């Protein structure tokens, strides 16, 4: 379900940003890097959800024409 992918992506972005800020504040470069990576994964999940939505809309449009 694309809404689920989008929600998980948003949550990953938020937790990733929190880790990144915490790592930066404490000087922990490993935590900061993990946060950045988690944020990027979140963005990818959201993009995947958007692509699934677009594909489903395209399929529905084709079905409607037949």
N, C-alpha and C. Protein backbone atom coordinates (compact mmCIF):
# COMPACT_ATOMS: atom_id res chain seq x y z
N UNK A 1 0.85 -1.17 0.00
CA UNK A 1 0.00 0.00 0.00
C UNK A 1 0.90 1.23 0.00
N UNK A 2 0.67 2.12 -0.93
CA UNK A 2 1.56 3.26 -1.08
C UNK A 2 1.44 4.25 0.07
N UNK A 3 0.28 4.37 0.66
CA UNK A 3 0.13 5.28 1.80
C UNK A 3 1.01 4.81 2.96
N UNK A 4 1.08 3.50 3.12
CA UNK A 4 1.93 2.93 4.16
C UNK A 4 3.40 3.24 3.88
N UNK A 5 3.81 3.10 2.61
CA UNK A 5 5.20 3.42 2.25
C UNK A 5 5.50 4.89 2.52
N UNK A 6 4.56 5.74 2.20
CA UNK A 6 4.77 7.17 2.40
C UNK A 6 4.85 7.50 3.89
N UNK A 7 4.00 6.87 4.70
CA UNK A 7 4.03 7.13 6.14
C UNK A 7 5.33 6.62 6.76
N UNK A 8 5.75 5.43 6.37
CA UNK A 8 7.01 4.89 6.88
C UNK A 8 8.18 5.78 6.46
N UNK A 9 8.11 6.27 5.24
CA UNK A 9 9.17 7.16 4.75
C UNK A 9 9.25 8.45 5.56
N UNK A 10 8.09 9.03 5.85
CA UNK A 10 8.07 10.25 6.65
C UNK A 10 8.60 10.01 8.06
N UNK A 11 8.25 8.87 8.63
CA UNK A 11 8.73 8.54 9.97
C UNK A 11 10.24 8.33 9.95
N UNK A 12 10.75 7.64 8.93
CA UNK A 12 12.19 7.43 8.82
C UNK A 12 12.93 8.75 8.65
N UNK A 13 12.34 9.66 7.89
CA UNK A 13 12.98 10.96 7.71
C UNK A 13 13.05 11.71 9.03
N UNK A 14 11.97 11.66 9.80
CA UNK A 14 11.94 12.37 11.08
C UNK A 14 12.93 11.78 12.08
N UNK A 15 12.95 10.45 12.18
CA UNK A 15 13.89 9.84 13.13
C UNK A 15 15.33 10.01 12.66
N UNK A 16 15.52 9.97 11.36
CA UNK A 16 16.86 10.19 10.82
C UNK A 16 17.36 11.59 11.12
N UNK A 17 16.48 12.58 10.98
CA UNK A 17 16.86 13.96 11.26
C UNK A 17 17.19 14.12 12.74
N UNK A 18 16.39 13.48 13.60
CA UNK A 18 16.66 13.55 15.05
C UNK A 18 18.02 12.94 15.38
N UNK A 19 18.32 11.79 14.77
CA UNK A 19 19.63 11.16 15.00
C UNK A 19 20.76 12.05 14.49
N UNK A 20 20.54 12.62 13.33
CA UNK A 20 21.57 13.48 12.74
C UNK A 20 21.86 14.68 13.65
N UNK A 21 20.81 15.32 14.15
CA UNK A 21 20.98 16.48 15.02
C UNK A 21 21.63 16.06 16.34
N UNK A 22 21.19 14.93 16.89
CA UNK A 22 21.78 14.44 18.14
C UNK A 22 23.26 14.13 17.95
N UNK A 23 23.59 13.50 16.84
CA UNK A 23 24.99 13.19 16.57
C UNK A 23 25.83 14.43 16.41
N UNK A 24 25.27 15.42 15.74
CA UNK A 24 25.99 16.68 15.54
C UNK A 24 26.19 17.39 16.88
N UNK A 25 25.14 17.38 17.72
CA UNK A 25 25.21 18.08 19.00
C UNK A 25 26.20 17.42 19.96
N UNK A 26 26.32 16.11 19.89
CA UNK A 26 27.22 15.39 20.80
C UNK A 26 28.59 15.14 20.20
N UNK A 27 28.77 15.48 18.94
CA UNK A 27 30.05 15.25 18.29
C UNK A 27 30.24 13.81 17.87
N UNK A 28 29.16 13.05 17.81
CA UNK A 28 29.21 11.63 17.43
C UNK A 28 28.97 11.52 15.92
N UNK A 29 30.05 11.44 15.17
CA UNK A 29 29.93 11.44 13.71
C UNK A 29 29.24 10.18 13.19
N UNK A 30 29.37 9.06 13.91
CA UNK A 30 28.72 7.82 13.49
C UNK A 30 27.20 7.97 13.56
N UNK A 31 26.69 8.49 14.67
CA UNK A 31 25.25 8.69 14.82
C UNK A 31 24.75 9.71 13.80
N UNK A 32 25.52 10.74 13.57
CA UNK A 32 25.15 11.75 12.58
C UNK A 32 25.03 11.12 11.19
N UNK A 33 25.99 10.30 10.83
CA UNK A 33 25.96 9.63 9.52
C UNK A 33 24.80 8.65 9.42
N UNK A 34 24.53 7.92 10.50
CA UNK A 34 23.39 7.00 10.51
C UNK A 34 22.09 7.76 10.32
N UNK A 35 21.98 8.92 10.95
CA UNK A 35 20.79 9.74 10.80
C UNK A 35 20.60 10.22 9.37
N UNK A 36 21.68 10.65 8.75
CA UNK A 36 21.60 11.09 7.35
C UNK A 36 21.16 9.93 6.45
N UNK A 37 21.73 8.76 6.68
CA UNK A 37 21.38 7.59 5.87
C UNK A 37 19.91 7.21 6.07
N UNK A 38 19.46 7.24 7.32
CA UNK A 38 18.06 6.90 7.60
C UNK A 38 17.12 7.91 6.94
N UNK A 39 17.50 9.18 6.96
CA UNK A 39 16.69 10.21 6.30
C UNK A 39 16.60 9.98 4.80
N UNK A 40 17.71 9.60 4.20
CA UNK A 40 17.70 9.32 2.76
C UNK A 40 16.84 8.11 2.43
N UNK A 41 16.89 7.10 3.28
CA UNK A 41 16.03 5.92 3.07
C UNK A 41 14.56 6.32 3.18
N UNK A 42 14.26 7.21 4.09
CA UNK A 42 12.89 7.70 4.22
C UNK A 42 12.42 8.41 2.98
N UNK A 43 13.29 9.23 2.41
CA UNK A 43 12.94 9.92 1.16
C UNK A 43 12.70 8.92 0.04
N UNK A 44 13.52 7.88 -0.01
CA UNK A 44 13.37 6.86 -1.05
C UNK A 44 12.04 6.12 -0.88
N UNK A 45 11.67 5.80 0.37
CA UNK A 45 10.40 5.12 0.61
C UNK A 45 9.22 5.98 0.19
N UNK A 46 9.32 7.27 0.46
CA UNK A 46 8.23 8.17 0.05
C UNK A 46 8.14 8.24 -1.47
N UNK A 47 9.27 8.32 -2.14
CA UNK A 47 9.27 8.37 -3.59
C UNK A 47 8.70 7.08 -4.18
N UNK A 48 9.03 5.95 -3.55
CA UNK A 48 8.49 4.66 -3.99
C UNK A 48 6.97 4.65 -3.84
N UNK A 49 6.47 5.17 -2.73
CA UNK A 49 5.02 5.26 -2.53
C UNK A 49 4.36 6.14 -3.57
N UNK A 50 5.00 7.26 -3.91
CA UNK A 50 4.47 8.15 -4.94
C UNK A 50 4.43 7.46 -6.30
N UNK A 51 5.48 6.69 -6.61
CA UNK A 51 5.54 5.98 -7.88
C UNK A 51 4.45 4.91 -7.95
N UNK A 52 4.22 4.22 -6.84
CA UNK A 52 3.17 3.20 -6.82
C UNK A 52 1.80 3.85 -7.03
N UNK A 53 1.59 5.01 -6.44
CA UNK A 53 0.33 5.74 -6.64
C UNK A 53 0.14 6.11 -8.11
N UNK A 54 1.19 6.63 -8.71
CA UNK A 54 1.12 7.04 -10.11
C UNK A 54 0.85 5.84 -11.01
N UNK A 55 1.49 4.71 -10.73
CA UNK A 55 1.26 3.51 -11.53
C UNK A 55 -0.17 3.01 -11.39
N UNK A 56 -0.68 3.03 -10.17
CA UNK A 56 -2.06 2.59 -9.94
C UNK A 56 -3.04 3.50 -10.66
N UNK A 57 -2.78 4.80 -10.63
CA UNK A 57 -3.65 5.75 -11.34
C UNK A 57 -3.62 5.50 -12.84
N UNK A 58 -2.45 5.21 -13.38
CA UNK A 58 -2.33 4.94 -14.81
C UNK A 58 -3.09 3.68 -15.19
N UNK A 59 -2.98 2.65 -14.37
CA UNK A 59 -3.70 1.40 -14.65
C UNK A 59 -5.20 1.64 -14.58
N UNK A 60 -5.65 2.38 -13.59
CA UNK A 60 -7.08 2.68 -13.48
C UNK A 60 -7.57 3.47 -14.68
N UNK A 61 -6.76 4.39 -15.15
CA UNK A 61 -7.13 5.20 -16.31
C UNK A 61 -7.29 4.33 -17.55
N UNK A 62 -6.37 3.39 -17.74
CA UNK A 62 -6.45 2.48 -18.89
C UNK A 62 -7.67 1.58 -18.77
N UNK A 63 -7.95 1.09 -17.57
CA UNK A 63 -9.12 0.24 -17.36
C UNK A 63 -10.40 0.98 -17.68
N UNK A 64 -10.47 2.26 -17.30
CA UNK A 64 -11.66 3.06 -17.54
C UNK A 64 -11.91 3.25 -19.03
N UNK A 65 -10.85 3.27 -19.82
CA UNK A 65 -11.00 3.47 -21.26
C UNK A 65 -11.54 2.23 -21.96
N UNK A 66 -11.37 1.08 -21.34
CA UNK A 66 -11.88 -0.15 -21.93
C UNK A 66 -13.16 -0.48 -21.31
